[in-house]
Amino acid sequence: MAATIEGQDRVLAAAQQIVKSLNTSTNVDTEDMLMILSNFDNRLSKLSNMMTTTTSSSSTPTSARSAAAAAAVAEIDHSSTDLVFEEAAKLVLEWDFPPNADPDSTSEYLNAVDEIIKKTEDLNVLSSDMDRAEAALQHAMAHLEDEFRHVLIGNTVPFDAGRLHESSFIRRCSISSSAVAIPDFETGTLSEDQEDVSSARYNHVKGKSLGADDFSLDLVYTDAIIDLREIANRMIKSGYEKECCQVYSSVRREVLDECLAILGIEKLSIEEVHRIDWQSLDEKMKKWIYAVKVLVRILLSAEKSLCDQVFGDSELIKEVCFMETAKGCVMQLLNFGEAVAIGRRSSEKLFRILDMYDALADVLSDIELLFSDEDGELVCGESKGVLDGLGEAAIGTFVEFENAVEREISKKPTQGGEIHPLTRYVMNYVKLLVDYSDTLNGLLEKLESCMEHDSSATDNGDNLELENVAPLARRLMLLIKSLEGNLEGKSRMYEDCGMPYIFLMNNIHYIVQKVKDSELQKLLGDQWVRKRRGQIRQHATSYLRASWSKVLSCLKDEGLSGSSSNASKVALKERFKNFNACFEEIYRIQTGWKVPDPQLREELRISISEKVLPAYRSFLGRFGSHLESGRNAGKYIKYTLEDLEGYLLDLFEGTPLVLHHMRRKGT
């Protein structure tokens, strides 16, 4: 309004000067004045014509010429807003946005744009004037489009990944992993050092609303947002919202792409993902897990806020701009998730897939809130589809793992009856699965609702054990039962009759300890643990029977003429000789056997001592005196009770020894 009044004052001043000149100047001077005035603004050509007519006759009285000038002044005053438009158009045409432009001059330019917009909205404007106004508006919009891009790019806040890593928000979604060798179940090649299983747990915080708790992110400097909003409002008002949205979306898309690159996310096709080796894919999956929450909870939340600030006056425009800005980066992440979901299933991928599933499930509600309009249904639908695909992949991979455990066919027995690598791998695998109990129970419930559970593979006791337990607990019970069946088969590869029981004791004890030392005990229950402890005792009894029955038979009275006084020395010598030979053979072999757990090893030695030492003490007490008085008694009675007790302490250490009783006695 101030600019309009100022323009009117200038026109009046010009007109008054014209009247004065007409009253005092010659015809030539007047004509020159009119020529200058007509060149100044073509809309004053009528005034020029009127004044020329007035001055063409010297006989015209001064009063008449004054009246004509007054009429011209009145007409100029009536069209004074046109002069304001002309000045605005001239400013727009000649303007060049300099770096660090003065706010007052920028405001002057925007005011000029407002005048041009007002002109185009005036329904009473002549068509020729409207054409000129629209041309000026188009030129102004081109300027504003460039300036919008310039301000948006020049004032983008750099993405500070370091600050992001240090924030408490990111620490809550950190990735921890342990690298291990993965067994090849198909070929049966199991390494000896598979105590750990590849895993990375995504420590997500469920149930959070949109945003990143105490972490905030500025995408554009605050002062620039005001300028962006001013420009956007004028472009939208002028019908150039499409151009404005295109500039905004293209600039912000590039920024988001750069942020994803900083987070380690690459643009890969499904085929490229499937060609990546596992170690590299594992790293990319970890980065994906991290990036999903950063993108949705921090970056897109901030993008949504920025759109609201820049395009807050237009609900439709801000939704379209956000959609066009954010859709690409979300789809890039979803494409990778889909590639993983449909890729080859192998047991080492399960934990990463579960991490990806949990990460996406955790932000799904935020995605639905961010893309809540009709156009956002595509993104939400794709997100749910990829989530379902990852869930199916996780269960499929778990089933593959179950099958691999059942059909693992390594033929090489472990040395000394040690814990089999398969047992170590499976139990560490199972132990880590408990961390995903909620997720797996949910997925397994869906699976079991679609198919009947096959109970024919288990006996009545197992059916009772499997009742009233969660789906994951039921599957783990069956998995461990499958492992135990596999171990039973492997135990038959040992030639020594006592070794299979040591092997089974070691492995079942390891299984029980892994259950007791984790959340597995809550999942499987105390009854399950007690049943396995009973199996360990049964295997210990079977071991004693298989390994020590022959030794103990040498210490029986049968075949020694019924009484100690009548026993022949020949028979006694043979009996002691056989005992010594049997004991030394067991010692030589079973010192090479291994019982890794100290408590189990001690309990087993005690069980042997309780069987052997009392029998030897009794036999030696009854028949030893018959030989001690004769020559070469030490040849037959080689060991005292203390000797035997000491030698038993050498068993199951994993180092084969040859018994030298003379060394023990120090002679």
Foldseek 3Di string as FASTA:
>chain_A
DVLLVVLLVVLLVLLVVLLVCLLPDALVVNLVSLVVVCVVDVVLVVVSVLLNVQRVDPPRDSVVSNVSSVVSSVVCSVVSLVVSLVVLLVCLVPDDDDPPDDPVVVVVNLVSLVSLLVVCVDPPDDPVVNVVSVVSNVSNLVRLLVVLLVLLQVFFDADDVVVVCPDPLLVQQAWDWDDDDDDDLVVLDFDPPPLAATAIAGRDDADDAAARVPDADAGGDPVSLVVLQSSCVSCVSSVNLVSSLVSLQVSLLVSVVVVLVVLVQDQDALVRLQPDDPVVNLVNLNSLLSVLCCCLRYVLSNLLVSLCSNVVVDPVSSLVSSCSNNVVVLVSSLRSLQSVLPHDAEQSCLNSLLSVLVSLVRCLVSLCVSQVDPVSVVSSVSSVVSSVSSLVSNVVNVVVVLVSLLSRDDQDADWQLAADSSLSNVLNSLQVCVVCVVVVLVSVVVVCVVDPDDPPVDDPVLVVLLPPAGSSLNVVVVSVVSNLVVLLVNLVSDDQQLSSLSNSLLSLVVNLVSCVVGCNCVRRHPVVSVVSVVVNVVSLVSNCCRQPVQLLVLLDCPPQPPAQVRGDPVSLLVSLVSNVVSVQVCLQPQLQHARPDPVVLVVSLVVNCVRPLVSVVVSCVRHVVVQVPDPPSCVRVVDDSVRVNVSSVSGRHNDGDGDDSCVVVVD
